[in-house]
């Protein structure tokens, strides 16, 4: 079995705070992390990566130039698993605001995007939002995001959403973390219908 993992790291010798690195899993071992370099990583912060199931689309947050706010959501594509990444594209004003959007998580079918935002009107420090798109290949086709509501969002900070659907068992769960102001985060799960 072969798999890939993209992580956000704080490099010891680089002039940036956080950038993205990739690892592969083969023969029961993880490879050493490899910096994704340009055009993914810049002099800004790139963080909260989410790799699509096919490994050809990488969603992440960045506070680099060309954004709407402090952090925006971006996507980069590649033509094949061994091909280089193309220049990232900002997901646009429907998803991104003047506030901070980070931590994207894409559903397996590519229709749902979960993310964290500090936008106005939320329940707390940061909240989880969901956006839908009809065409899983249209990066600018996202509908206006909706907050996940008081069953998930609280006055604390919710982040790190992961949406897992088990077609065989017929279950859908959202896993996320929650931390009070100045506190440490705990992991939560919510069953979705």
N, C-alpha and C. Protein backbone atom coordinates (compact mmCIF):
# COMPACT_ATOMS: atom_id res chain seq x y z
N UNK A 1 0.84 -1.18 0.00
CA UNK A 1 0.00 0.00 0.00
C UNK A 1 0.88 1.24 0.00
N UNK A 2 0.50 2.25 -0.77
CA UNK A 2 1.21 3.52 -0.82
C UNK A 2 0.23 4.64 -0.51
N UNK A 3 0.66 5.61 0.27
CA UNK A 3 -0.18 6.73 0.65
C UNK A 3 0.68 7.97 0.73
N UNK A 4 0.02 9.13 0.82
CA UNK A 4 0.74 10.40 0.93
C UNK A 4 0.16 11.21 2.07
N UNK A 5 0.99 12.04 2.64
CA UNK A 5 0.59 12.92 3.74
C UNK A 5 1.26 14.26 3.52
N UNK A 6 0.50 15.34 3.64
CA UNK A 6 1.07 16.68 3.57
C UNK A 6 0.93 17.29 4.95
N UNK A 7 2.02 17.84 5.46
CA UNK A 7 2.03 18.40 6.81
C UNK A 7 2.53 19.84 6.78
N UNK A 8 2.15 20.61 7.79
CA UNK A 8 2.66 21.96 7.97
C UNK A 8 3.76 21.90 9.02
N UNK A 9 4.91 22.48 8.71
CA UNK A 9 6.06 22.42 9.61
C UNK A 9 6.63 23.81 9.85
N UNK A 10 7.24 23.97 11.00
CA UNK A 10 7.99 25.18 11.32
C UNK A 10 9.47 24.84 11.13
N UNK A 11 10.03 25.18 9.97
CA UNK A 11 11.42 24.81 9.72
C UNK A 11 12.38 25.58 10.63
N UNK A 12 13.44 24.89 11.04
CA UNK A 12 14.42 25.51 11.94
C UNK A 12 15.30 26.53 11.22
N UNK A 13 15.60 26.30 9.95
CA UNK A 13 16.57 27.15 9.26
C UNK A 13 15.96 28.03 8.18
N UNK A 14 14.64 28.04 8.04
CA UNK A 14 14.02 28.83 6.98
C UNK A 14 13.52 30.17 7.53
N UNK A 15 13.42 31.18 6.68
CA UNK A 15 12.97 32.50 7.15
C UNK A 15 11.45 32.62 7.29
N UNK A 16 10.71 31.55 7.10
CA UNK A 16 9.25 31.61 7.24
C UNK A 16 8.84 30.86 8.50
N UNK A 17 7.64 31.14 8.96
CA UNK A 17 7.16 30.49 10.17
C UNK A 17 6.68 29.07 9.90
N UNK A 18 5.83 28.88 8.89
CA UNK A 18 5.24 27.57 8.61
C UNK A 18 5.21 27.36 7.10
N UNK A 19 5.58 26.15 6.64
CA UNK A 19 5.40 25.81 5.23
C UNK A 19 4.99 24.35 5.12
N UNK A 20 4.67 23.93 3.90
CA UNK A 20 4.12 22.59 3.68
C UNK A 20 5.20 21.63 3.20
N UNK A 21 5.11 20.40 3.73
CA UNK A 21 6.02 19.33 3.35
C UNK A 21 5.20 18.07 3.09
N UNK A 22 5.72 17.19 2.25
CA UNK A 22 5.02 15.95 1.90
C UNK A 22 5.83 14.74 2.33
N UNK A 23 5.10 13.69 2.69
CA UNK A 23 5.71 12.41 3.06
C UNK A 23 4.92 11.32 2.34
N UNK A 24 5.58 10.21 2.04
CA UNK A 24 4.87 9.08 1.45
C UNK A 24 5.03 7.87 2.37
N UNK A 25 4.06 6.96 2.28
CA UNK A 25 4.06 5.76 3.11
C UNK A 25 4.08 4.56 2.19
N UNK A 26 5.13 3.79 2.28
CA UNK A 26 5.26 2.58 1.46
C UNK A 26 6.05 1.55 2.25
N UNK A 27 5.71 0.29 2.08
CA UNK A 27 6.41 -0.80 2.76
C UNK A 27 6.46 -0.60 4.27
N UNK A 28 5.35 -0.14 4.84
CA UNK A 28 5.19 0.05 6.29
C UNK A 28 6.08 1.14 6.88
N UNK A 29 6.58 2.06 6.05
CA UNK A 29 7.43 3.14 6.55
C UNK A 29 7.07 4.47 5.90
N UNK A 30 7.21 5.55 6.70
CA UNK A 30 7.05 6.90 6.19
C UNK A 30 8.39 7.41 5.69
N UNK A 31 8.36 8.14 4.60
CA UNK A 31 9.58 8.78 4.09
C UNK A 31 9.88 10.02 4.94
N UNK A 32 11.07 10.56 4.77
CA UNK A 32 11.40 11.83 5.42
C UNK A 32 10.58 12.94 4.74
N UNK A 33 10.16 13.96 5.49
CA UNK A 33 9.40 15.06 4.88
C UNK A 33 10.23 15.79 3.83
N UNK A 34 9.56 16.16 2.74
CA UNK A 34 10.19 16.91 1.66
C UNK A 34 9.43 18.21 1.48
N UNK A 35 10.14 19.33 1.54
CA UNK A 35 9.51 20.64 1.36
C UNK A 35 8.91 20.72 -0.03
N UNK A 36 7.65 21.18 -0.12
CA UNK A 36 6.99 21.27 -1.42
C UNK A 36 7.55 22.39 -2.28
N UNK A 37 8.25 23.34 -1.68
CA UNK A 37 8.89 24.40 -2.45
C UNK A 37 7.90 25.27 -3.21
N UNK A 38 8.45 26.08 -4.12
CA UNK A 38 7.61 26.94 -4.95
C UNK A 38 6.93 26.07 -6.01
N UNK A 39 5.74 26.38 -6.43
CA UNK A 39 4.98 27.58 -6.10
C UNK A 39 4.09 27.44 -4.86
N UNK A 40 4.11 26.30 -4.17
CA UNK A 40 3.25 26.12 -3.00
C UNK A 40 3.74 26.98 -1.84
N UNK A 41 4.97 26.78 -1.43
CA UNK A 41 5.53 27.53 -0.31
C UNK A 41 6.09 28.86 -0.79
N UNK A 42 5.87 29.89 0.03
CA UNK A 42 6.34 31.24 -0.27
C UNK A 42 7.03 31.77 0.98
N UNK A 43 7.35 33.05 0.98
CA UNK A 43 7.91 33.69 2.17
C UNK A 43 6.85 33.90 3.24
N UNK A 44 5.59 33.64 2.91
CA UNK A 44 4.47 33.76 3.86
C UNK A 44 4.29 32.42 4.58
N UNK A 45 3.21 32.31 5.32
CA UNK A 45 2.87 31.07 6.03
C UNK A 45 1.88 30.25 5.21
N UNK A 46 2.18 29.00 4.98
CA UNK A 46 1.25 28.05 4.37
C UNK A 46 0.97 27.00 5.42
N UNK A 47 -0.31 26.72 5.68
CA UNK A 47 -0.64 25.79 6.77
C UNK A 47 -1.97 25.11 6.53
N UNK A 48 -2.29 24.14 7.39
CA UNK A 48 -3.57 23.44 7.36
C UNK A 48 -3.84 22.73 6.05
N UNK A 49 -2.90 21.94 5.52
CA UNK A 49 -3.10 21.31 4.22
C UNK A 49 -4.13 20.19 4.24
N UNK A 50 -4.82 20.03 3.12
CA UNK A 50 -5.76 18.94 2.92
C UNK A 50 -5.60 18.44 1.49
N UNK A 51 -5.17 17.21 1.35
CA UNK A 51 -4.93 16.61 0.04
C UNK A 51 -6.19 15.87 -0.40
N UNK A 52 -6.68 16.16 -1.61
CA UNK A 52 -7.86 15.46 -2.13
C UNK A 52 -7.56 13.97 -2.25
N UNK A 53 -8.61 13.16 -2.25
CA UNK A 53 -8.44 11.70 -2.29
C UNK A 53 -7.61 11.22 -3.47
N UNK A 54 -7.71 11.89 -4.62
CA UNK A 54 -6.93 11.45 -5.78
C UNK A 54 -5.49 11.94 -5.74
N UNK A 55 -5.15 12.79 -4.76
CA UNK A 55 -3.80 13.30 -4.62
C UNK A 55 -3.43 14.38 -5.61
N UNK A 56 -4.42 14.87 -6.38
CA UNK A 56 -4.13 15.84 -7.44
C UNK A 56 -4.50 17.27 -7.09
N UNK A 57 -5.17 17.48 -5.97
CA UNK A 57 -5.55 18.82 -5.52
C UNK A 57 -5.12 18.99 -4.07
N UNK A 58 -4.50 20.12 -3.76
CA UNK A 58 -4.03 20.42 -2.42
C UNK A 58 -4.67 21.73 -1.96
N UNK A 59 -5.47 21.66 -0.91
CA UNK A 59 -6.12 22.83 -0.32
C UNK A 59 -5.34 23.22 0.92
N UNK A 60 -5.18 24.53 1.16
CA UNK A 60 -4.43 24.98 2.33
C UNK A 60 -4.75 26.45 2.62
N UNK A 61 -4.34 26.90 3.80
CA UNK A 61 -4.49 28.30 4.17
C UNK A 61 -3.15 29.00 4.03
N UNK A 62 -3.20 30.28 3.62
CA UNK A 62 -1.98 31.07 3.50
C UNK A 62 -2.28 32.54 3.78
N UNK A 63 -1.30 33.22 4.38
CA UNK A 63 -1.42 34.66 4.58
C UNK A 63 -0.56 35.41 3.56
N UNK A 64 -0.30 34.79 2.44
CA UNK A 64 0.52 35.39 1.40
C UNK A 64 -0.22 36.44 0.59
N UNK A 65 0.50 37.09 -0.32
CA UNK A 65 -0.11 38.13 -1.16
C UNK A 65 -1.21 37.57 -2.05
N UNK A 66 -2.17 38.43 -2.38
CA UNK A 66 -3.27 38.04 -3.25
C UNK A 66 -4.49 37.56 -2.50
N UNK A 67 -4.44 37.61 -1.18
CA UNK A 67 -5.57 37.16 -0.36
C UNK A 67 -6.50 38.30 0.03
N UNK A 68 -7.61 37.93 0.65
CA UNK A 68 -8.62 38.89 1.08
C UNK A 68 -8.44 39.33 2.51
N UNK A 69 -7.76 38.51 3.31
CA UNK A 69 -7.66 38.79 4.74
C UNK A 69 -6.36 38.30 5.31
N UNK A 70 -6.39 38.02 6.61
CA UNK A 70 -5.16 37.58 7.26
C UNK A 70 -4.73 36.20 6.75
N UNK A 71 -5.65 35.26 6.65
CA UNK A 71 -5.40 33.96 6.01
C UNK A 71 -6.56 33.68 5.07
N UNK A 72 -6.26 33.13 3.90
CA UNK A 72 -7.27 32.73 2.93
C UNK A 72 -7.06 31.27 2.57
N UNK A 73 -8.09 30.67 1.97
CA UNK A 73 -7.99 29.30 1.46
C UNK A 73 -7.57 29.33 0.00
N UNK A 74 -6.66 28.43 -0.34
CA UNK A 74 -6.10 28.32 -1.68
C UNK A 74 -6.15 26.86 -2.12
N UNK A 75 -6.04 26.63 -3.43
CA UNK A 75 -5.94 25.28 -3.96
C UNK A 75 -4.88 25.26 -5.06
N UNK A 76 -4.11 24.18 -5.09
CA UNK A 76 -3.15 23.95 -6.16
C UNK A 76 -3.44 22.58 -6.75
N UNK A 77 -3.16 22.42 -8.03
CA UNK A 77 -3.40 21.16 -8.72
C UNK A 77 -2.11 20.64 -9.35
N UNK A 78 -2.13 19.37 -9.66
CA UNK A 78 -1.08 18.76 -10.46
C UNK A 78 -1.73 17.74 -11.37
N UNK A 79 -1.12 17.50 -12.53
CA UNK A 79 -1.71 16.63 -13.55
C UNK A 79 -1.61 15.15 -13.20
N UNK A 80 -0.59 14.77 -12.45
CA UNK A 80 -0.40 13.37 -12.06
C UNK A 80 0.32 13.35 -10.72
N UNK A 81 0.38 12.19 -10.09
CA UNK A 81 0.99 12.10 -8.76
C UNK A 81 2.48 12.42 -8.76
N UNK A 82 3.14 12.24 -9.89
CA UNK A 82 4.57 12.55 -9.99
C UNK A 82 4.84 13.89 -10.66
N UNK A 83 3.77 14.61 -11.01
CA UNK A 83 3.90 15.90 -11.68
C UNK A 83 4.09 17.03 -10.67
N UNK A 84 4.69 18.13 -11.10
CA UNK A 84 4.86 19.27 -10.19
C UNK A 84 3.53 19.98 -9.93
N UNK A 85 3.46 20.66 -8.79
CA UNK A 85 2.27 21.44 -8.46
C UNK A 85 2.22 22.70 -9.30
N UNK A 86 1.01 23.05 -9.74
CA UNK A 86 0.78 24.31 -10.45
C UNK A 86 0.64 25.43 -9.42
N UNK A 87 0.66 26.67 -9.88
CA UNK A 87 0.52 27.83 -8.99
C UNK A 87 -0.83 27.77 -8.27
N UNK A 88 -0.85 28.02 -6.97
CA UNK A 88 -2.11 28.00 -6.21
C UNK A 88 -3.07 29.09 -6.67
N UNK A 89 -4.37 28.81 -6.52
CA UNK A 89 -5.44 29.74 -6.86
C UNK A 89 -6.24 30.03 -5.60
N UNK A 90 -6.51 31.30 -5.35
CA UNK A 90 -7.34 31.70 -4.21
C UNK A 90 -8.77 31.24 -4.46
N UNK A 91 -9.44 30.69 -3.44
CA UNK A 91 -10.81 30.19 -3.62
C UNK A 91 -11.84 31.29 -3.80
N UNK A 92 -11.46 32.54 -3.66
CA UNK A 92 -12.33 33.64 -4.01
C UNK A 92 -13.15 34.20 -2.86
N UNK A 93 -13.88 35.28 -3.18
CA UNK A 93 -14.60 36.06 -2.18
C UNK A 93 -15.82 35.35 -1.61
N UNK A 94 -16.33 34.33 -2.27
CA UNK A 94 -17.47 33.61 -1.70
C UNK A 94 -17.02 32.86 -0.44
N UNK A 95 -15.84 32.30 -0.46
CA UNK A 95 -15.31 31.53 0.68
C UNK A 95 -14.48 32.42 1.61
N UNK A 96 -13.58 33.20 1.04
CA UNK A 96 -12.64 34.00 1.84
C UNK A 96 -13.21 35.37 2.18
N UNK A 97 -12.85 35.86 3.38
CA UNK A 97 -13.30 37.17 3.86
C UNK A 97 -12.08 37.96 4.33
N UNK A 98 -12.33 39.15 4.86
CA UNK A 98 -11.26 39.96 5.44
C UNK A 98 -10.77 39.35 6.75
N UNK A 99 -11.52 38.40 7.30
CA UNK A 99 -11.11 37.68 8.51
C UNK A 99 -10.14 36.56 8.10
N UNK A 100 -10.02 35.55 8.92
CA UNK A 100 -9.09 34.45 8.68
C UNK A 100 -9.85 33.17 8.33
N UNK A 101 -9.48 32.53 7.22
CA UNK A 101 -10.01 31.22 6.85
C UNK A 101 -8.83 30.26 6.75
N UNK A 102 -8.92 29.14 7.47
CA UNK A 102 -7.83 28.17 7.49
C UNK A 102 -8.40 26.76 7.63
N UNK A 103 -7.51 25.78 7.63
CA UNK A 103 -7.87 24.40 7.93
C UNK A 103 -8.91 23.77 7.04
N UNK A 104 -8.74 23.84 5.70
CA UNK A 104 -9.73 23.23 4.82
C UNK A 104 -9.73 21.70 4.92
N UNK A 105 -10.90 21.12 4.73
CA UNK A 105 -11.06 19.66 4.69
C UNK A 105 -12.11 19.35 3.63
N UNK A 106 -11.72 18.61 2.63
CA UNK A 106 -12.59 18.29 1.50
C UNK A 106 -13.22 16.92 1.68
N UNK A 107 -14.52 16.81 1.36
CA UNK A 107 -15.18 15.50 1.42
C UNK A 107 -14.60 14.60 0.32
N UNK A 108 -14.76 13.30 0.48
CA UNK A 108 -14.20 12.34 -0.47
C UNK A 108 -14.71 12.56 -1.89
N UNK A 109 -15.97 13.00 -2.03
CA UNK A 109 -16.52 13.22 -3.38
C UNK A 109 -16.19 14.60 -3.93
N UNK A 110 -15.55 15.46 -3.13
CA UNK A 110 -15.15 16.78 -3.59
C UNK A 110 -16.24 17.83 -3.61
N UNK A 111 -17.42 17.51 -3.12
CA UNK A 111 -18.53 18.47 -3.13
C UNK A 111 -18.60 19.35 -1.89
N UNK A 112 -18.02 18.93 -0.77
CA UNK A 112 -18.13 19.66 0.49
C UNK A 112 -16.76 20.14 0.96
N UNK A 113 -16.72 21.38 1.42
CA UNK A 113 -15.50 21.96 1.97
C UNK A 113 -15.80 22.46 3.38
N UNK A 114 -15.14 21.87 4.37
CA UNK A 114 -15.24 22.31 5.76
C UNK A 114 -14.00 23.16 6.04
N UNK A 115 -14.15 24.21 6.82
CA UNK A 115 -13.00 25.04 7.17
C UNK A 115 -13.29 25.86 8.42
N UNK A 116 -12.23 26.46 8.96
CA UNK A 116 -12.31 27.30 10.15
C UNK A 116 -12.27 28.76 9.72
N UNK A 117 -13.09 29.60 10.37
CA UNK A 117 -13.08 31.03 10.07
C UNK A 117 -13.32 31.85 11.33
N UNK A 118 -12.73 33.04 11.33
CA UNK A 118 -12.97 34.01 12.40
C UNK A 118 -13.88 35.13 11.92
N UNK A 119 -14.65 34.89 10.87
CA UNK A 119 -15.51 35.92 10.28
C UNK A 119 -16.56 36.40 11.27
N UNK A 120 -17.07 37.59 11.01
CA UNK A 120 -18.11 38.20 11.85
C UNK A 120 -19.36 37.32 11.85
N UNK A 121 -20.08 37.34 12.96
CA UNK A 121 -21.33 36.60 13.06
C UNK A 121 -21.18 35.20 13.60
N UNK A 122 -19.96 34.81 13.96
CA UNK A 122 -19.74 33.47 14.48
C UNK A 122 -20.14 33.34 15.94
N UNK A 123 -20.07 32.11 16.44
CA UNK A 123 -20.43 31.81 17.83
C UNK A 123 -19.30 32.12 18.80
N UNK A 124 -18.04 32.06 18.32
CA UNK A 124 -16.93 32.18 19.26
C UNK A 124 -15.65 32.68 18.63
N UNK A 125 -14.53 32.23 19.19
CA UNK A 125 -13.21 32.69 18.75
C UNK A 125 -12.96 32.33 17.29
N UNK A 126 -13.27 31.11 16.91
CA UNK A 126 -13.27 30.67 15.52
C UNK A 126 -14.32 29.57 15.42
N UNK A 127 -14.93 29.46 14.27
CA UNK A 127 -16.02 28.51 14.07
C UNK A 127 -15.79 27.68 12.82
N UNK A 128 -16.50 26.57 12.74
CA UNK A 128 -16.44 25.70 11.57
C UNK A 128 -17.56 26.06 10.61
N UNK A 129 -17.21 26.10 9.32
CA UNK A 129 -18.14 26.44 8.25
C UNK A 129 -18.12 25.34 7.20
N UNK A 130 -19.16 25.32 6.39
CA UNK A 130 -19.31 24.35 5.32
C UNK A 130 -19.75 25.06 4.05
N UNK A 131 -19.09 24.75 2.95
CA UNK A 131 -19.50 25.25 1.64
C UNK A 131 -19.68 24.05 0.72
N UNK A 132 -20.59 24.17 -0.22
CA UNK A 132 -20.92 23.10 -1.17
C UNK A 132 -20.65 23.60 -2.59
N UNK A 133 -20.28 22.69 -3.47
CA UNK A 133 -20.19 23.01 -4.89
C UNK A 133 -20.82 21.88 -5.68
N UNK A 134 -21.53 22.22 -6.74
CA UNK A 134 -22.21 21.22 -7.56
C UNK A 134 -21.21 20.41 -8.38
N UNK A 135 -20.20 21.09 -8.92
CA UNK A 135 -19.20 20.44 -9.76
C UNK A 135 -17.91 20.29 -8.95
N UNK A 136 -17.49 19.06 -8.65
CA UNK A 136 -16.29 18.88 -7.83
C UNK A 136 -14.99 19.32 -8.50
N UNK A 137 -15.07 19.76 -9.76
CA UNK A 137 -13.88 20.25 -10.45
C UNK A 137 -13.86 21.76 -10.60
N UNK A 138 -14.88 22.45 -10.07
CA UNK A 138 -14.99 23.90 -10.20
C UNK A 138 -14.50 24.57 -8.91
N UNK A 139 -13.25 25.00 -8.90
CA UNK A 139 -12.67 25.59 -7.69
C UNK A 139 -13.27 26.94 -7.32
N UNK A 140 -13.95 27.59 -8.25
CA UNK A 140 -14.58 28.87 -7.94
C UNK A 140 -16.10 28.73 -7.88
N UNK A 141 -16.61 27.51 -7.84
CA UNK A 141 -18.05 27.26 -7.81
C UNK A 141 -18.61 27.03 -6.42
N UNK A 142 -17.89 27.43 -5.39
CA UNK A 142 -18.36 27.22 -4.02
C UNK A 142 -19.55 28.12 -3.71
N UNK A 143 -20.53 27.56 -3.03
CA UNK A 143 -21.69 28.33 -2.58
C UNK A 143 -21.33 29.07 -1.30
N UNK A 144 -22.11 30.10 -0.92
CA UNK A 144 -21.81 30.81 0.33
C UNK A 144 -21.74 29.85 1.52
N UNK A 145 -20.69 29.94 2.32
CA UNK A 145 -20.53 29.03 3.46
C UNK A 145 -21.60 29.26 4.53
N UNK A 146 -21.92 28.19 5.23
CA UNK A 146 -22.84 28.28 6.37
C UNK A 146 -22.11 27.77 7.61
N UNK A 147 -22.37 28.43 8.74
CA UNK A 147 -21.80 27.99 10.00
C UNK A 147 -22.45 26.67 10.39
N UNK A 148 -21.70 25.80 11.04
CA UNK A 148 -22.24 24.50 11.43
C UNK A 148 -23.20 24.59 12.61
N UNK A 149 -23.36 25.76 13.19
CA UNK A 149 -24.39 25.97 14.20
C UNK A 149 -23.98 25.59 15.61
N UNK A 150 -24.91 25.83 16.57
CA UNK A 150 -24.58 25.65 17.98
C UNK A 150 -24.36 24.19 18.40
N UNK A 151 -24.72 23.23 17.58
CA UNK A 151 -24.42 21.84 17.90
C UNK A 151 -22.94 21.54 17.78
N UNK A 152 -22.21 22.38 17.03
CA UNK A 152 -20.77 22.23 16.85
C UNK A 152 -20.03 23.46 17.36
N UNK A 153 -20.43 24.65 16.88
CA UNK A 153 -19.74 25.89 17.24
C UNK A 153 -20.19 26.39 18.61
N UNK A 154 -19.23 26.90 19.38
CA UNK A 154 -19.47 27.39 20.74
C UNK A 154 -18.70 28.70 20.93
N UNK A 155 -18.74 29.32 22.10
CA UNK A 155 -17.91 30.50 22.35
C UNK A 155 -16.40 30.20 22.34
N UNK A 156 -16.01 28.94 22.37
CA UNK A 156 -14.59 28.56 22.30
C UNK A 156 -14.12 28.64 20.84
N UNK A 157 -13.01 28.02 20.55
CA UNK A 157 -12.44 27.99 19.20
C UNK A 157 -12.55 26.58 18.64
N UNK A 158 -13.32 26.44 17.56
CA UNK A 158 -13.42 25.15 16.86
C UNK A 158 -12.55 25.21 15.61
N UNK A 159 -11.82 24.13 15.35
CA UNK A 159 -10.91 24.10 14.20
C UNK A 159 -10.61 22.65 13.84
N UNK A 160 -9.84 22.47 12.77
CA UNK A 160 -9.33 21.16 12.41
C UNK A 160 -10.38 20.14 12.01
N UNK A 161 -11.39 20.56 11.27
CA UNK A 161 -12.48 19.65 10.89
C UNK A 161 -11.99 18.56 9.93
N UNK A 162 -12.45 17.35 10.17
CA UNK A 162 -12.23 16.22 9.26
C UNK A 162 -13.56 15.50 9.09
N UNK A 163 -14.01 15.40 7.85
CA UNK A 163 -15.30 14.81 7.50
C UNK A 163 -15.06 13.40 7.00
N UNK A 164 -15.63 12.42 7.69
CA UNK A 164 -15.42 11.02 7.30
C UNK A 164 -16.76 10.33 7.10
N UNK A 165 -16.93 9.77 5.90
CA UNK A 165 -18.16 9.07 5.55
C UNK A 165 -17.82 7.62 5.29
N UNK A 166 -18.52 6.73 5.99
CA UNK A 166 -18.36 5.29 5.81
C UNK A 166 -19.59 4.77 5.07
N UNK A 167 -19.46 4.61 3.76
CA UNK A 167 -20.60 4.19 2.94
C UNK A 167 -21.10 2.81 3.35
N UNK A 168 -20.20 1.91 3.73
CA UNK A 168 -20.61 0.56 4.12
C UNK A 168 -21.44 0.57 5.39
N UNK A 169 -21.03 1.37 6.36
CA UNK A 169 -21.75 1.43 7.64
C UNK A 169 -22.89 2.44 7.61
N UNK A 170 -22.88 3.33 6.60
CA UNK A 170 -23.92 4.35 6.50
C UNK A 170 -23.76 5.46 7.53
N UNK A 171 -22.54 5.68 8.01
CA UNK A 171 -22.31 6.72 9.01
C UNK A 171 -21.51 7.88 8.42
N UNK A 172 -21.77 9.05 8.96
CA UNK A 172 -21.03 10.25 8.60
C UNK A 172 -20.67 10.95 9.91
N UNK A 173 -19.39 11.20 10.10
CA UNK A 173 -18.94 11.87 11.32
C UNK A 173 -18.04 13.05 10.97
N UNK A 174 -18.14 14.08 11.78
CA UNK A 174 -17.25 15.22 11.69
C UNK A 174 -16.40 15.23 12.95
N UNK A 175 -15.10 15.17 12.76
CA UNK A 175 -14.16 15.24 13.88
C UNK A 175 -13.52 16.62 13.86
N UNK A 176 -13.32 17.22 15.03
CA UNK A 176 -12.74 18.55 15.10
C UNK A 176 -12.16 18.75 16.49
N UNK A 177 -11.43 19.86 16.65
CA UNK A 177 -10.92 20.16 17.98
C UNK A 177 -11.54 21.46 18.48
N UNK A 178 -11.59 21.57 19.80
CA UNK A 178 -12.18 22.75 20.45
C UNK A 178 -11.28 23.15 21.60
N UNK A 179 -10.99 24.45 21.67
CA UNK A 179 -10.15 24.97 22.75
C UNK A 179 -10.75 26.26 23.29
N UNK A 180 -10.87 26.39 24.61
CA UNK A 180 -11.30 27.66 25.19
C UNK A 180 -10.19 28.69 25.04
N UNK A 181 -10.52 29.97 25.19
CA UNK A 181 -9.51 31.02 25.11
C UNK A 181 -8.36 30.71 26.06
N UNK A 182 -7.16 30.67 25.54
CA UNK A 182 -5.98 30.42 26.35
C UNK A 182 -5.82 28.98 26.82
N UNK A 183 -6.70 28.09 26.38
CA UNK A 183 -6.65 26.70 26.83
C UNK A 183 -6.11 25.76 25.78
N UNK A 184 -6.07 24.48 26.11
CA UNK A 184 -5.62 23.47 25.17
C UNK A 184 -6.83 22.80 24.53
N UNK A 185 -6.63 22.25 23.36
CA UNK A 185 -7.73 21.69 22.58
C UNK A 185 -8.01 20.24 22.94
N UNK A 186 -9.27 19.88 22.86
CA UNK A 186 -9.72 18.49 22.95
C UNK A 186 -10.34 18.12 21.62
N UNK A 187 -10.38 16.83 21.32
CA UNK A 187 -10.97 16.34 20.07
C UNK A 187 -12.42 15.96 20.31
N UNK A 188 -13.29 16.37 19.38
CA UNK A 188 -14.72 16.10 19.46
C UNK A 188 -15.17 15.38 18.20
N UNK A 189 -16.30 14.69 18.30
CA UNK A 189 -16.92 14.04 17.15
C UNK A 189 -18.39 14.38 17.15
N UNK A 190 -18.92 14.63 15.95
CA UNK A 190 -20.35 14.90 15.80
C UNK A 190 -20.87 14.02 14.69
N UNK A 191 -21.95 13.27 14.95
CA UNK A 191 -22.59 12.48 13.91
C UNK A 191 -23.44 13.40 13.07
N UNK A 192 -23.36 13.24 11.75
CA UNK A 192 -24.12 14.09 10.83
C UNK A 192 -25.18 13.27 10.13
N UNK A 193 -26.28 13.91 9.85
CA UNK A 193 -27.35 13.25 9.11
C UNK A 193 -27.66 14.00 7.84
